[in-house]
All heavy atoms as atom14 arrays in JSON, in Angstrom:
{
  "sequence": "TAFSFHPLEGLLEALVLPALIFILPLHPYAIVIYLTIMTISSVVNHLD",
  "atom14_mask": [
    [1, 1, 1, 1, 1, 1, 1, 0, 0, 0, 0, 0, 0, 0],
    [1, 1, 1, 1, 1, 0, 0, 0, 0, 0, 0, 0, 0, 0],
    [1, 1, 1, 1, 1, 1, 1, 1, 1, 1, 1, 0, 0, 0],
    [1, 1, 1, 1, 1, 1, 0, 0, 0, 0, 0, 0, 0, 0],
    [1, 1, 1, 1, 1, 1, 1, 1, 1, 1, 1, 0, 0, 0],
    [1, 1, 1, 1, 1, 1, 1, 1, 1, 1, 0, 0, 0, 0],
    [1, 1, 1, 1, 1, 1, 1, 0, 0, 0, 0, 0, 0, 0],
    [1, 1, 1, 1, 1, 1, 1, 1, 0, 0, 0, 0, 0, 0],
    [1, 1, 1, 1, 1, 1, 1, 1, 1, 0, 0, 0, 0, 0],
    [1, 1, 1, 1, 0, 0, 0, 0, 0, 0, 0, 0, 0, 0],
    [1, 1, 1, 1, 1, 1, 1, 1, 0, 0, 0, 0, 0, 0],
    [1, 1, 1, 1, 1, 1, 1, 1, 0, 0, 0, 0, 0, 0],
    [1, 1, 1, 1, 1, 1, 1, 1, 1, 0, 0, 0, 0, 0],
    [1, 1, 1, 1, 1, 0, 0, 0, 0, 0, 0, 0, 0, 0],
    [1, 1, 1, 1, 1, 1, 1, 1, 0, 0, 0, 0, 0, 0],
    [1, 1, 1, 1, 1, 1, 1, 0, 0, 0, 0, 0, 0, 0],
    [1, 1, 1, 1, 1, 1, 1, 1, 0, 0, 0, 0, 0, 0],
    [1, 1, 1, 1, 1, 1, 1, 0, 0, 0, 0, 0, 0, 0],
    [1, 1, 1, 1, 1, 0, 0, 0, 0, 0, 0, 0, 0, 0],
    [1, 1, 1, 1, 1, 1, 1, 1, 0, 0, 0, 0, 0, 0],
    [1, 1, 1, 1, 1, 1, 1, 1, 0, 0, 0, 0, 0, 0],
    [1, 1, 1, 1, 1, 1, 1, 1, 1, 1, 1, 0, 0, 0],
    [1, 1, 1, 1, 1, 1, 1, 1, 0, 0, 0, 0, 0, 0],
    [1, 1, 1, 1, 1, 1, 1, 1, 0, 0, 0, 0, 0, 0],
    [1, 1, 1, 1, 1, 1, 1, 0, 0, 0, 0, 0, 0, 0],
    [1, 1, 1, 1, 1, 1, 1, 1, 0, 0, 0, 0, 0, 0],
    [1, 1, 1, 1, 1, 1, 1, 1, 1, 1, 0, 0, 0, 0],
    [1, 1, 1, 1, 1, 1, 1, 0, 0, 0, 0, 0, 0, 0],
    [1, 1, 1, 1, 1, 1, 1, 1, 1, 1, 1, 1, 0, 0],
    [1, 1, 1, 1, 1, 0, 0, 0, 0, 0, 0, 0, 0, 0],
    [1, 1, 1, 1, 1, 1, 1, 1, 0, 0, 0, 0, 0, 0],
    [1, 1, 1, 1, 1, 1, 1, 0, 0, 0, 0, 0, 0, 0],
    [1, 1, 1, 1, 1, 1, 1, 1, 0, 0, 0, 0, 0, 0],
    [1, 1, 1, 1, 1, 1, 1, 1, 1, 1, 1, 1, 0, 0],
    [1, 1, 1, 1, 1, 1, 1, 1, 0, 0, 0, 0, 0, 0],
    [1, 1, 1, 1, 1, 1, 1, 0, 0, 0, 0, 0, 0, 0],
    [1, 1, 1, 1, 1, 1, 1, 1, 0, 0, 0, 0, 0, 0],
    [1, 1, 1, 1, 1, 1, 1, 1, 0, 0, 0, 0, 0, 0],
    [1, 1, 1, 1, 1, 1, 1, 0, 0, 0, 0, 0, 0, 0],
    [1, 1, 1, 1, 1, 1, 1, 1, 0, 0, 0, 0, 0, 0],
    [1, 1, 1, 1, 1, 1, 0, 0, 0, 0, 0, 0, 0, 0],
    [1, 1, 1, 1, 1, 1, 0, 0, 0, 0, 0, 0, 0, 0],
    [1, 1, 1, 1, 1, 1, 1, 0, 0, 0, 0, 0, 0, 0],
    [1, 1, 1, 1, 1, 1, 1, 0, 0, 0, 0, 0, 0, 0],
    [1, 1, 1, 1, 1, 1, 1, 1, 0, 0, 0, 0, 0, 0],
    [1, 1, 1, 1, 1, 1, 1, 1, 1, 1, 0, 0, 0, 0],
    [1, 1, 1, 1, 1, 1, 1, 1, 0, 0, 0, 0, 0, 0],
    [1, 1, 1, 1, 1, 1, 1, 1, 0, 0, 0, 0, 0, 0]
  ],
  "atom14_positions": [
    [[-8.84, 11.48, 9.67], [-8.2, 12.38, 10.63], [-8.62, 12.05, 12.06], [-7.93, 12.43, 13.01], [-8.58, 13.85, 10.33], [-8.43, 14.12, 8.93], [-7.72, 14.82, 11.11], [0.0, 0.0, 0.0], [0.0, 0.0, 0.0], [0.0, 0.0, 0.0], [0.0, 0.0, 0.0], [0.0, 0.0, 0.0], [0.0, 0.0, 0.0], [0.0, 0.0, 0.0]],
    [[-9.72, 11.34, 12.22], [-10.34, 11.14, 13.53], [-9.37, 10.68, 14.6], [-9.39, 11.18, 15.73], [-11.51, 10.15, 13.4], [0.0, 0.0, 0.0], [0.0, 0.0, 0.0], [0.0, 0.0, 0.0], [0.0, 0.0, 0.0], [0.0, 0.0, 0.0], [0.0, 0.0, 0.0], [0.0, 0.0, 0.0], [0.0, 0.0, 0.0], [0.0, 0.0, 0.0]],
    [[-8.51, 9.71, 14.28], [-7.55, 9.17, 15.25], [-6.11, 9.45, 14.86], [-5.19, 8.77, 15.32], [-7.73, 7.65, 15.4], [-8.96, 7.25, 16.18], [-9.31, 5.92, 16.27], [-9.75, 8.19, 16.81], [-10.44, 5.53, 16.98], [-10.88, 7.83, 17.52], [-11.23, 6.49, 17.61], [0.0, 0.0, 0.0], [0.0, 0.0, 0.0], [0.0, 0.0, 0.0]],
    [[-5.91, 10.48, 14.04], [-4.57, 10.81, 13.58], [-3.87, 11.68, 14.63], [-3.92, 12.91, 14.59], [-4.64, 11.54, 12.23], [-3.35, 11.88, 11.77], [0.0, 0.0, 0.0], [0.0, 0.0, 0.0], [0.0, 0.0, 0.0], [0.0, 0.0, 0.0], [0.0, 0.0, 0.0], [0.0, 0.0, 0.0], [0.0, 0.0, 0.0], [0.0, 0.0, 0.0]],
    [[-3.21, 11.02, 15.59], [-2.57, 11.71, 16.7], [-1.09, 11.32, 16.81], [-0.71, 10.2, 16.47], [-3.23, 11.34, 18.04], [-4.71, 11.57, 18.09], [-5.55, 10.58, 18.59], [-5.27, 12.77, 17.67], [-6.93, 10.78, 18.65], [-6.64, 12.97, 17.74], [-7.46, 11.97, 18.23], [0.0, 0.0, 0.0], [0.0, 0.0, 0.0], [0.0, 0.0, 0.0]],
    [[-0.31, 12.22, 17.34], [1.04, 11.88, 17.79], [0.9, 10.88, 18.95], [-0.08, 10.94, 19.71], [1.76, 13.15, 18.26], [3.18, 12.93, 18.64], [3.56, 12.44, 19.88], [4.34, 13.16, 17.96], [4.86, 12.37, 19.95], [5.37, 12.8, 18.79], [0.0, 0.0, 0.0], [0.0, 0.0, 0.0], [0.0, 0.0, 0.0], [0.0, 0.0, 0.0]],
    [[1.84, 9.94, 19.11], [1.72, 8.97, 20.21], [1.52, 9.58, 21.58], [0.79, 9.03, 22.41], [3.03, 8.19, 20.12], [3.41, 8.27, 18.67], [2.97, 9.63, 18.22], [0.0, 0.0, 0.0], [0.0, 0.0, 0.0], [0.0, 0.0, 0.0], [0.0, 0.0, 0.0], [0.0, 0.0, 0.0], [0.0, 0.0, 0.0], [0.0, 0.0, 0.0]],
    [[2.14, 10.73, 21.85], [1.96, 11.37, 23.16], [0.51, 11.85, 23.32], [-0.07, 11.7, 24.4], [2.92, 12.55, 23.32], [4.39, 12.19, 23.54], [5.25, 13.45, 23.55], [4.56, 11.41, 24.83], [0.0, 0.0, 0.0], [0.0, 0.0, 0.0], [0.0, 0.0, 0.0], [0.0, 0.0, 0.0], [0.0, 0.0, 0.0], [0.0, 0.0, 0.0]],
    [[-0.06, 12.39, 22.27], [-1.46, 12.79, 22.34], [-2.35, 11.55, 22.45], [-3.32, 11.54, 23.21], [-1.88, 13.61, 21.12], [-3.35, 14.0, 21.18], [-3.78, 14.97, 20.11], [-2.95, 15.38, 19.28], [-4.98, 15.31, 20.09], [0.0, 0.0, 0.0], [0.0, 0.0, 0.0], [0.0, 0.0, 0.0], [0.0, 0.0, 0.0], [0.0, 0.0, 0.0]],
    [[-2.02, 10.5, 21.7], [-2.79, 9.27, 21.79], [-2.8, 8.73, 23.21], [-3.84, 8.27, 23.71], [0.0, 0.0, 0.0], [0.0, 0.0, 0.0], [0.0, 0.0, 0.0], [0.0, 0.0, 0.0], [0.0, 0.0, 0.0], [0.0, 0.0, 0.0], [0.0, 0.0, 0.0], [0.0, 0.0, 0.0], [0.0, 0.0, 0.0], [0.0, 0.0, 0.0]],
    [[-1.65, 8.81, 23.89], [-1.57, 8.34, 25.28], [-2.45, 9.19, 26.18], [-3.19, 8.65, 27.03], [-0.12, 8.4, 25.75], [0.14, 8.04, 27.21], [-0.29, 6.6, 27.49], [1.61, 8.24, 27.56], [0.0, 0.0, 0.0], [0.0, 0.0, 0.0], [0.0, 0.0, 0.0], [0.0, 0.0, 0.0], [0.0, 0.0, 0.0], [0.0, 0.0, 0.0]],
    [[-2.4, 10.5, 26.03], [-3.22, 11.39, 26.85], [-4.71, 11.15, 26.59], [-5.52, 11.21, 27.52], [-2.85, 12.84, 26.57], [-1.45, 13.27, 27.02], [-1.1, 14.64, 26.47], [-1.36, 13.27, 28.55], [0.0, 0.0, 0.0], [0.0, 0.0, 0.0], [0.0, 0.0, 0.0], [0.0, 0.0, 0.0], [0.0, 0.0, 0.0], [0.0, 0.0, 0.0]],
    [[-5.06, 10.9, 25.34], [-6.45, 10.61, 25.0], [-6.89, 9.28, 25.61], [-8.02, 9.11, 26.06], [-6.61, 10.54, 23.48], [-6.26, 11.81, 22.74], [-7.44, 12.74, 22.56], [-8.5, 12.47, 23.16], [-7.29, 13.72, 21.82], [0.0, 0.0, 0.0], [0.0, 0.0, 0.0], [0.0, 0.0, 0.0], [0.0, 0.0, 0.0], [0.0, 0.0, 0.0]],
    [[-5.97, 8.3, 25.64], [-6.31, 6.95, 26.08], [-6.54, 6.87, 27.58], [-7.22, 5.95, 28.06], [-5.19, 5.98, 25.67], [0.0, 0.0, 0.0], [0.0, 0.0, 0.0], [0.0, 0.0, 0.0], [0.0, 0.0, 0.0], [0.0, 0.0, 0.0], [0.0, 0.0, 0.0], [0.0, 0.0, 0.0], [0.0, 0.0, 0.0], [0.0, 0.0, 0.0]],
    [[-5.99, 7.8, 28.34], [-6.09, 7.74, 29.8], [-7.52, 7.87, 30.3], [-7.82, 7.48, 31.44], [-5.23, 8.84, 30.43], [-3.71, 8.69, 30.27], [-3.0, 9.9, 30.86], [-3.23, 7.42, 30.96], [0.0, 0.0, 0.0], [0.0, 0.0, 0.0], [0.0, 0.0, 0.0], [0.0, 0.0, 0.0], [0.0, 0.0, 0.0], [0.0, 0.0, 0.0]],
    [[-8.4, 8.41, 29.47], [-9.75, 8.69, 29.95], [-10.51, 7.43, 30.31], [-11.28, 7.41, 31.28], [-10.53, 9.54, 28.9], [-10.88, 8.72, 27.67], [-11.8, 10.11, 29.53], [0.0, 0.0, 0.0], [0.0, 0.0, 0.0], [0.0, 0.0, 0.0], [0.0, 0.0, 0.0], [0.0, 0.0, 0.0], [0.0, 0.0, 0.0], [0.0, 0.0, 0.0]],
    [[-10.31, 6.33, 29.57], [-11.07, 5.11, 29.87], [-10.69, 4.49, 31.21], [-11.59, 4.22, 32.03], [-10.91, 4.09, 28.74], [-11.67, 2.77, 28.94], [-13.16, 3.02, 29.11], [-11.41, 1.81, 27.79], [0.0, 0.0, 0.0], [0.0, 0.0, 0.0], [0.0, 0.0, 0.0], [0.0, 0.0, 0.0], [0.0, 0.0, 0.0], [0.0, 0.0, 0.0]],
    [[-9.39, 4.25, 31.49], [-9.06, 3.74, 32.83], [-9.54, 4.66, 33.95], [-9.97, 4.19, 35.01], [-7.53, 3.65, 32.8], [-7.18, 3.54, 31.36], [-8.21, 4.35, 30.64], [0.0, 0.0, 0.0], [0.0, 0.0, 0.0], [0.0, 0.0, 0.0], [0.0, 0.0, 0.0], [0.0, 0.0, 0.0], [0.0, 0.0, 0.0], [0.0, 0.0, 0.0]],
    [[-9.49, 5.97, 33.72], [-9.95, 6.92, 34.74], [-11.46, 6.8, 34.96], [-11.93, 6.82, 36.1], [-9.6, 8.35, 34.32], [0.0, 0.0, 0.0], [0.0, 0.0, 0.0], [0.0, 0.0, 0.0], [0.0, 0.0, 0.0], [0.0, 0.0, 0.0], [0.0, 0.0, 0.0], [0.0, 0.0, 0.0], [0.0, 0.0, 0.0], [0.0, 0.0, 0.0]],
    [[-12.21, 6.66, 33.88], [-13.67, 6.56, 33.99], [-14.09, 5.32, 34.76], [-14.97, 5.4, 35.63], [-14.31, 6.57, 32.6], [-14.44, 7.92, 31.91], [-14.97, 7.73, 30.49], [-15.35, 8.85, 32.69], [0.0, 0.0, 0.0], [0.0, 0.0, 0.0], [0.0, 0.0, 0.0], [0.0, 0.0, 0.0], [0.0, 0.0, 0.0], [0.0, 0.0, 0.0]],
    [[-13.52, 4.18, 34.43], [-13.96, 2.95, 35.09], [-13.5, 2.9, 36.54], [-14.01, 2.11, 37.34], [-13.47, 1.68, 34.35], [-11.94, 1.56, 34.42], [-13.97, 1.67, 32.92], [-11.43, 0.21, 33.98], [0.0, 0.0, 0.0], [0.0, 0.0, 0.0], [0.0, 0.0, 0.0], [0.0, 0.0, 0.0], [0.0, 0.0, 0.0], [0.0, 0.0, 0.0]],
    [[-12.56, 3.76, 36.91], [-12.1, 3.83, 38.29], [-13.06, 4.65, 39.16], [-13.2, 4.37, 40.36], [-10.7, 4.45, 38.33], [-10.05, 4.38, 39.68], [-9.56, 3.18, 40.19], [-9.91, 5.53, 40.45], [-8.97, 3.11, 41.44], [-9.31, 5.48, 41.7], [-8.85, 4.27, 42.2], [0.0, 0.0, 0.0], [0.0, 0.0, 0.0], [0.0, 0.0, 0.0]],
    [[-13.76, 5.63, 38.56], [-14.61, 6.53, 39.36], [-16.09, 6.39, 39.07], [-16.91, 6.82, 39.89], [-14.2, 8.01, 39.13], [-14.45, 8.41, 37.66], [-12.76, 8.25, 39.52], [-14.22, 9.88, 37.38], [0.0, 0.0, 0.0], [0.0, 0.0, 0.0], [0.0, 0.0, 0.0], [0.0, 0.0, 0.0], [0.0, 0.0, 0.0], [0.0, 0.0, 0.0]],
    [[-16.46, 5.76, 37.94], [-17.87, 5.73, 37.54], [-18.34, 4.3, 37.31], [-17.73, 3.58, 36.51], [-18.04, 6.54, 36.24], [-19.45, 6.65, 35.66], [-20.34, 7.49, 36.58], [-19.41, 7.27, 34.26], [0.0, 0.0, 0.0], [0.0, 0.0, 0.0], [0.0, 0.0, 0.0], [0.0, 0.0, 0.0], [0.0, 0.0, 0.0], [0.0, 0.0, 0.0]],
    [[-19.4, 3.86, 37.99], [-19.94, 2.53, 37.71], [-20.42, 2.44, 36.26], [-21.27, 3.22, 35.83], [-21.11, 2.42, 38.69], [-20.8, 3.38, 39.79], [-20.1, 4.51, 39.11], [0.0, 0.0, 0.0], [0.0, 0.0, 0.0], [0.0, 0.0, 0.0], [0.0, 0.0, 0.0], [0.0, 0.0, 0.0], [0.0, 0.0, 0.0], [0.0, 0.0, 0.0]],
    [[-19.86, 1.51, 35.5], [-20.2, 1.34, 34.09], [-20.38, -0.13, 33.78], [-19.56, -0.97, 34.18], [-19.1, 1.92, 33.2], [-18.99, 3.44, 33.11], [-17.7, 3.85, 32.45], [-20.19, 4.02, 32.35], [0.0, 0.0, 0.0], [0.0, 0.0, 0.0], [0.0, 0.0, 0.0], [0.0, 0.0, 0.0], [0.0, 0.0, 0.0], [0.0, 0.0, 0.0]],
    [[-21.43, -0.44, 33.05], [-21.64, -1.79, 32.55], [-20.8, -1.97, 31.29], [-20.6, -1.01, 30.53], [-23.13, -2.0, 32.23], [-23.49, -3.43, 31.96], [-23.31, -4.0, 30.71], [-24.02, -4.39, 32.75], [-23.73, -5.26, 30.76], [-24.15, -5.53, 31.97], [0.0, 0.0, 0.0], [0.0, 0.0, 0.0], [0.0, 0.0, 0.0], [0.0, 0.0, 0.0]],
    [[-20.27, -3.17, 31.02], [-19.47, -3.37, 29.8], [-20.18, -2.93, 28.52], [-19.55, -2.35, 27.63], [-19.21, -4.88, 29.8], [-19.22, -5.25, 31.24], [-20.26, -4.37, 31.87], [0.0, 0.0, 0.0], [0.0, 0.0, 0.0], [0.0, 0.0, 0.0], [0.0, 0.0, 0.0], [0.0, 0.0, 0.0], [0.0, 0.0, 0.0], [0.0, 0.0, 0.0]],
    [[-21.49, -3.19, 28.44], [-22.22, -2.76, 27.24], [-22.3, -1.23, 27.15], [-22.26, -0.67, 26.05], [-23.63, -3.35, 27.23], [-23.67, -4.85, 26.97], [-24.81, -5.6, 27.29], [-22.59, -5.52, 26.41], [-24.85, -6.98, 27.06], [-22.62, -6.88, 26.18], [-23.76, -7.6, 26.51], [-23.78, -8.96, 26.27], [0.0, 0.0, 0.0], [0.0, 0.0, 0.0]],
    [[-22.41, -0.58, 28.3], [-22.4, 0.89, 28.3], [-21.07, 1.42, 27.81], [-21.01, 2.41, 27.08], [-22.71, 1.42, 29.7], [0.0, 0.0, 0.0], [0.0, 0.0, 0.0], [0.0, 0.0, 0.0], [0.0, 0.0, 0.0], [0.0, 0.0, 0.0], [0.0, 0.0, 0.0], [0.0, 0.0, 0.0], [0.0, 0.0, 0.0], [0.0, 0.0, 0.0]],
    [[-19.98, 0.74, 28.2], [-18.65, 1.13, 27.74], [-18.54, 0.98, 26.23], [-18.02, 1.86, 25.53], [-17.56, 0.3, 28.45], [-17.56, 0.6, 29.95], [-16.19, 0.58, 27.84], [-16.63, -0.3, 30.75], [0.0, 0.0, 0.0], [0.0, 0.0, 0.0], [0.0, 0.0, 0.0], [0.0, 0.0, 0.0], [0.0, 0.0, 0.0], [0.0, 0.0, 0.0]],
    [[-19.04, -0.14, 25.71], [-18.99, -0.38, 24.26], [-19.79, 0.7, 23.52], [-19.33, 1.24, 22.49], [-19.54, -1.78, 23.92], [-19.72, -1.95, 22.42], [-18.61, -2.86, 24.46], [0.0, 0.0, 0.0], [0.0, 0.0, 0.0], [0.0, 0.0, 0.0], [0.0, 0.0, 0.0], [0.0, 0.0, 0.0], [0.0, 0.0, 0.0], [0.0, 0.0, 0.0]],
    [[-20.98, 1.03, 24.02], [-21.81, 2.06, 23.37], [-21.11, 3.41, 23.42], [-21.06, 4.14, 22.42], [-23.19, 2.13, 24.04], [-23.98, 0.84, 23.79], [-23.98, 3.34, 23.53], [-25.26, 0.72, 24.6], [0.0, 0.0, 0.0], [0.0, 0.0, 0.0], [0.0, 0.0, 0.0], [0.0, 0.0, 0.0], [0.0, 0.0, 0.0], [0.0, 0.0, 0.0]],
    [[-20.58, 3.76, 24.58], [-19.88, 5.04, 24.74], [-18.68, 5.14, 23.79], [-18.49, 6.16, 23.12], [-19.45, 5.18, 26.21], [-18.2, 5.99, 26.44], [-18.17, 7.36, 26.18], [-17.05, 5.38, 26.93], [-17.02, 8.09, 26.41], [-15.9, 6.1, 27.16], [-15.89, 7.46, 26.9], [-14.75, 8.19, 27.12], [0.0, 0.0, 0.0], [0.0, 0.0, 0.0]],
    [[-17.88, 4.08, 23.69], [-16.71, 4.1, 22.81], [-17.11, 4.13, 21.34], [-16.42, 4.75, 20.51], [-15.81, 2.89, 23.1], [-15.13, 2.88, 24.46], [-14.35, 1.59, 24.65], [-14.2, 4.08, 24.63], [0.0, 0.0, 0.0], [0.0, 0.0, 0.0], [0.0, 0.0, 0.0], [0.0, 0.0, 0.0], [0.0, 0.0, 0.0], [0.0, 0.0, 0.0]],
    [[-18.22, 3.48, 21.01], [-18.7, 3.52, 19.63], [-19.19, 4.91, 19.26], [-18.91, 5.42, 18.17], [-19.83, 2.49, 19.43], [-19.34, 1.18, 19.76], [-20.32, 2.49, 17.99], [0.0, 0.0, 0.0], [0.0, 0.0, 0.0], [0.0, 0.0, 0.0], [0.0, 0.0, 0.0], [0.0, 0.0, 0.0], [0.0, 0.0, 0.0], [0.0, 0.0, 0.0]],
    [[-19.91, 5.56, 20.19], [-20.34, 6.95, 19.98], [-19.12, 7.85, 19.79], [-19.11, 8.72, 18.91], [-21.19, 7.44, 21.16], [-22.54, 6.72, 21.19], [-21.42, 8.96, 21.06], [-23.37, 7.01, 22.42], [0.0, 0.0, 0.0], [0.0, 0.0, 0.0], [0.0, 0.0, 0.0], [0.0, 0.0, 0.0], [0.0, 0.0, 0.0], [0.0, 0.0, 0.0]],
    [[-18.09, 7.62, 20.61], [-16.87, 8.42, 20.5], [-16.26, 8.3, 19.1], [-15.88, 9.3, 18.48], [-15.84, 7.97, 21.54], [-14.53, 8.72, 21.48], [-13.21, 7.96, 22.46], [-12.89, 6.47, 21.5], [0.0, 0.0, 0.0], [0.0, 0.0, 0.0], [0.0, 0.0, 0.0], [0.0, 0.0, 0.0], [0.0, 0.0, 0.0], [0.0, 0.0, 0.0]],
    [[-16.18, 7.07, 18.58], [-15.58, 6.85, 17.26], [-16.42, 7.5, 16.17], [-15.88, 8.21, 15.31], [-15.43, 5.34, 16.99], [-14.63, 4.75, 18.01], [-14.79, 5.1, 15.64], [0.0, 0.0, 0.0], [0.0, 0.0, 0.0], [0.0, 0.0, 0.0], [0.0, 0.0, 0.0], [0.0, 0.0, 0.0], [0.0, 0.0, 0.0], [0.0, 0.0, 0.0]],
    [[-17.72, 7.25, 16.19], [-18.6, 7.81, 15.16], [-18.58, 9.33, 15.22], [-18.48, 10.01, 14.19], [-20.03, 7.27, 15.31], [-20.05, 5.76, 15.04], [-20.99, 7.99, 14.36], [-21.4, 5.1, 15.31], [0.0, 0.0, 0.0], [0.0, 0.0, 0.0], [0.0, 0.0, 0.0], [0.0, 0.0, 0.0], [0.0, 0.0, 0.0], [0.0, 0.0, 0.0]],
    [[-18.66, 9.89, 16.43], [-18.65, 11.34, 16.59], [-17.36, 11.95, 16.05], [-17.39, 12.97, 15.35], [-18.81, 11.69, 18.07], [-18.64, 13.07, 18.29], [0.0, 0.0, 0.0], [0.0, 0.0, 0.0], [0.0, 0.0, 0.0], [0.0, 0.0, 0.0], [0.0, 0.0, 0.0], [0.0, 0.0, 0.0], [0.0, 0.0, 0.0], [0.0, 0.0, 0.0]],
    [[-16.24, 11.32, 16.35], [-14.96, 11.85, 15.88], [-14.86, 11.82, 14.36], [-14.37, 12.76, 13.74], [-13.81, 11.04, 16.5], [-12.57, 11.62, 16.19], [0.0, 0.0, 0.0], [0.0, 0.0, 0.0], [0.0, 0.0, 0.0], [0.0, 0.0, 0.0], [0.0, 0.0, 0.0], [0.0, 0.0, 0.0], [0.0, 0.0, 0.0], [0.0, 0.0, 0.0]],
    [[-15.35, 10.74, 13.76], [-15.33, 10.64, 12.29], [-16.26, 11.69, 11.68], [-15.88, 12.38, 10.72], [-15.72, 9.22, 11.83], [-15.94, 9.19, 10.33], [-14.63, 8.23, 12.23], [0.0, 0.0, 0.0], [0.0, 0.0, 0.0], [0.0, 0.0, 0.0], [0.0, 0.0, 0.0], [0.0, 0.0, 0.0], [0.0, 0.0, 0.0], [0.0, 0.0, 0.0]],
    [[-17.47, 11.82, 12.21], [-18.44, 12.79, 11.68], [-17.89, 14.22, 11.81], [-18.02, 15.03, 10.89], [-19.78, 12.66, 12.42], [-20.7, 13.85, 12.11], [-20.47, 11.36, 12.03], [0.0, 0.0, 0.0], [0.0, 0.0, 0.0], [0.0, 0.0, 0.0], [0.0, 0.0, 0.0], [0.0, 0.0, 0.0], [0.0, 0.0, 0.0], [0.0, 0.0, 0.0]],
    [[-17.27, 14.52, 12.94], [-16.76, 15.87, 13.15], [-15.57, 16.2, 12.25], [-15.26, 17.37, 12.03], [-16.35, 16.05, 14.62], [-17.53, 16.05, 15.55], [-18.67, 16.14, 15.12], [-17.28, 15.93, 16.84], [0.0, 0.0, 0.0], [0.0, 0.0, 0.0], [0.0, 0.0, 0.0], [0.0, 0.0, 0.0], [0.0, 0.0, 0.0], [0.0, 0.0, 0.0]],
    [[-14.9, 15.16, 11.73], [-13.77, 15.37, 10.82], [-14.15, 15.05, 9.37], [-13.27, 14.87, 8.53], [-12.59, 14.49, 11.23], [-11.94, 14.92, 12.51], [-12.29, 14.4, 13.74], [-10.96, 15.84, 12.77], [-11.55, 14.97, 14.68], [-10.74, 15.84, 14.13], [0.0, 0.0, 0.0], [0.0, 0.0, 0.0], [0.0, 0.0, 0.0], [0.0, 0.0, 0.0]],
    [[-15.43, 15.0, 9.09], [-15.87, 14.59, 7.76], [-15.67, 15.68, 6.7], [-15.54, 15.39, 5.51], [-17.35, 14.18, 7.83], [-17.99, 13.57, 6.6], [-17.25, 12.3, 6.18], [-19.47, 13.23, 6.88], [0.0, 0.0, 0.0], [0.0, 0.0, 0.0], [0.0, 0.0, 0.0], [0.0, 0.0, 0.0], [0.0, 0.0, 0.0], [0.0, 0.0, 0.0]],
    [[-15.64, 16.95, 7.13], [-15.58, 18.1, 6.22], [-16.85, 18.21, 5.38], [-16.88, 18.93, 4.37], [-14.35, 18.05, 5.31], [-14.03, 19.42, 4.71], [-14.01, 20.4, 5.48], [-13.83, 19.52, 3.48], [0.0, 0.0, 0.0], [0.0, 0.0, 0.0], [0.0, 0.0, 0.0], [0.0, 0.0, 0.0], [0.0, 0.0, 0.0], [0.0, 0.0, 0.0]]
  ]
}
């Protein structure tokens, strides 16, 4: 269920990354860690 979205919701969810790198200094490795945490967190929260 973690990434089970309608395409419009997927688009709205996806906007956060371009917005973040535009306003916040981020190292590529920090981005990878942050996105990995996002994926694991979403799966854990939908684990039931």
